[in-house]
Amino acid sequence: MEELIARISANVGTDPATATKAVGLILAFLQKEGPADKVGELIAGFPGAEAAIAEAQSSGGLLSGLMPGVMGLGSKLMGLGLGMGEISGISKETIAFAREKAGSGPVDEVVNSIPGLSQFV
């Protein structure tokens, strides 16, 4: 996870604490919305994913959101003080990292299974 957070900080300009929270929210969203078997493969190959998801869920995460789907995730990320450019950058870096660590197959299946997500990553 440290490698991803460093990449996000360097490439997107987001501070590490906010980047960590954002990645946790994104992964929790994928876990909630994606096919369980493919999400399981993604999480198993993604260092620190389980801890990031647990942290996102314990701090309210996606469970307290009123909007469903990608819009709800966007709302949560904006709640961290992120703008659309930062959200896009963090999302792209997170999915690219997931592809590197867990493989393109399961990651692409998860992304493609969630309506509206592929346009952001």
Protein backbone atom coordinates (compact mmCIF):
# COMPACT_ATOMS: atom_id res chain seq x y z
CA MET A 1 0.00 0.00 0.00
CA GLU A 2 2.87 2.36 0.74
CA GLU A 3 4.04 2.07 -2.87
CA LEU A 4 0.59 3.08 -4.17
CA ILE A 5 0.23 5.97 -1.73
CA ALA A 6 3.67 7.28 -2.73
CA ARG A 7 2.65 7.10 -6.41
CA ILE A 8 -0.60 8.94 -5.75
CA SER A 9 1.18 11.62 -3.74
CA ALA A 10 3.79 12.09 -6.46
CA ASN A 11 1.51 11.88 -9.50
CA VAL A 12 -1.72 13.41 -8.20
CA GLY A 13 -0.37 15.67 -5.46
CA THR A 14 -2.67 14.34 -2.74
CA ASP A 15 -1.32 14.12 0.80
CA PRO A 16 -0.68 10.56 2.00
CA ALA A 17 -3.40 10.50 4.67
CA THR A 18 -6.10 11.59 2.24
CA ALA A 19 -4.80 9.26 -0.45
CA THR A 20 -4.96 6.34 1.98
CA LYS A 21 -8.57 7.13 2.90
CA ALA A 22 -9.52 7.53 -0.76
CA VAL A 23 -7.97 4.20 -1.74
CA GLY A 24 -9.83 2.51 1.12
CA LEU A 25 -13.13 3.98 -0.06
CA ILE A 26 -12.47 2.90 -3.65
CA LEU A 27 -11.58 -0.65 -2.62
CA ALA A 28 -14.58 -0.89 -0.27
CA PHE A 29 -16.78 0.27 -3.15
CA LEU A 30 -15.33 -2.38 -5.47
CA GLN A 31 -15.87 -5.03 -2.81
CA LYS A 32 -19.48 -3.96 -2.31
CA GLU A 33 -20.42 -3.55 -5.98
CA GLY A 34 -18.26 -6.04 -7.88
CA PRO A 35 -18.56 -9.81 -8.40
CA ALA A 36 -17.35 -11.48 -5.20
CA ASP A 37 -15.03 -14.00 -6.86
CA LYS A 38 -13.19 -11.44 -8.99
CA VAL A 39 -13.06 -8.87 -6.20
CA GLY A 40 -11.57 -11.59 -3.99
CA GLU A 41 -8.80 -12.14 -6.55
CA LEU A 42 -8.19 -8.39 -6.77
CA ILE A 43 -8.00 -7.98 -2.99
CA ALA A 44 -5.80 -11.06 -2.54
CA GLY A 45 -3.22 -9.64 -4.94
CA PHE A 46 -3.36 -6.05 -3.66
CA PRO A 47 -1.00 -5.47 -0.71
CA GLY A 48 -2.81 -3.75 2.16
CA ALA A 49 -6.25 -3.89 0.55
CA GLU A 50 -8.02 -5.64 3.41
CA ALA A 51 -6.72 -3.17 6.00
CA ALA A 52 -7.68 -0.19 3.80
CA ILE A 53 -11.20 -1.57 3.32
CA ALA A 54 -11.61 -2.23 7.04
CA GLU A 55 -10.50 1.32 7.84
CA ALA A 56 -12.92 2.81 5.29
CA GLN A 57 -15.79 0.77 6.66
CA SER A 58 -15.00 1.54 10.30
CA SER A 59 -14.98 5.27 9.64
CA GLY A 60 -18.41 5.26 8.05
CA GLY A 61 -17.13 4.35 4.61
CA LEU A 62 -19.77 3.67 2.03
CA LEU A 63 -22.32 2.48 4.54
CA SER A 64 -23.29 5.99 5.53
CA GLY A 65 -23.76 7.29 1.97
CA LEU A 66 -27.19 8.10 0.64
CA MET A 67 -26.34 7.92 -3.07
CA PRO A 68 -25.74 4.51 -4.56
CA GLY A 69 -23.18 3.44 -7.14
CA VAL A 70 -20.39 5.49 -8.65
CA MET A 71 -22.09 8.78 -7.73
CA GLY A 72 -22.14 7.76 -4.07
CA LEU A 73 -18.45 6.92 -4.23
CA GLY A 74 -17.74 10.28 -5.86
CA SER A 75 -19.68 12.02 -3.10
CA LYS A 76 -17.63 10.24 -0.43
CA LEU A 77 -14.37 11.15 -2.16
CA MET A 78 -15.45 14.78 -2.47
CA GLY A 79 -16.21 14.62 1.25
CA LEU A 80 -12.48 14.07 1.77
CA GLY A 81 -11.90 17.43 0.09
CA LEU A 82 -10.89 15.99 -3.28
CA GLY A 83 -11.73 17.66 -6.57
CA MET A 84 -12.71 15.83 -9.74
CA GLY A 85 -9.15 15.86 -11.10
CA GLU A 86 -7.79 14.33 -7.91
CA ILE A 87 -10.58 11.74 -7.79
CA SER A 88 -9.85 10.74 -11.37
CA GLY A 89 -6.10 10.57 -10.74
CA ILE A 90 -6.44 8.52 -7.55
CA SER A 91 -8.92 6.16 -9.21
CA LYS A 92 -6.66 5.62 -12.21
CA GLU A 93 -3.57 5.07 -10.06
CA THR A 94 -5.47 2.63 -7.82
CA ILE A 95 -6.79 0.56 -10.73
CA ALA A 96 -3.40 0.59 -12.49
CA PHE A 97 -1.75 -0.61 -9.27
CA ALA A 98 -4.40 -3.31 -8.88
CA ARG A 99 -3.75 -4.50 -12.44
CA GLU A 100 -0.01 -4.69 -11.72
CA LYS A 101 -0.48 -6.65 -8.50
CA ALA A 102 -3.58 -8.80 -9.14
CA GLY A 103 -3.58 -9.01 -12.93
CA SER A 104 -5.66 -7.32 -15.60
CA GLY A 105 -8.20 -10.14 -15.91
CA PRO A 106 -9.90 -9.96 -12.53
CA VAL A 107 -9.48 -6.19 -12.23
CA ASP A 108 -11.00 -5.50 -15.64
CA GLU A 109 -13.89 -7.86 -14.89
CA VAL A 110 -14.61 -5.99 -11.66
CA VAL A 111 -14.40 -2.58 -13.33
CA ASN A 112 -16.54 -3.63 -16.29
CA SER A 113 -19.20 -5.19 -14.04
CA ILE A 114 -19.96 -1.92 -12.23
CA PRO A 115 -22.16 0.46 -14.24
CA GLY A 116 -20.43 3.76 -14.99
CA LEU A 117 -17.08 2.90 -13.43
CA SER A 118 -15.07 2.23 -16.57
CA GLN A 119 -15.33 5.87 -17.68
CA PHE A 120 -13.41 6.97 -14.57
CA VAL A 121 -10.55 4.51 -14.72
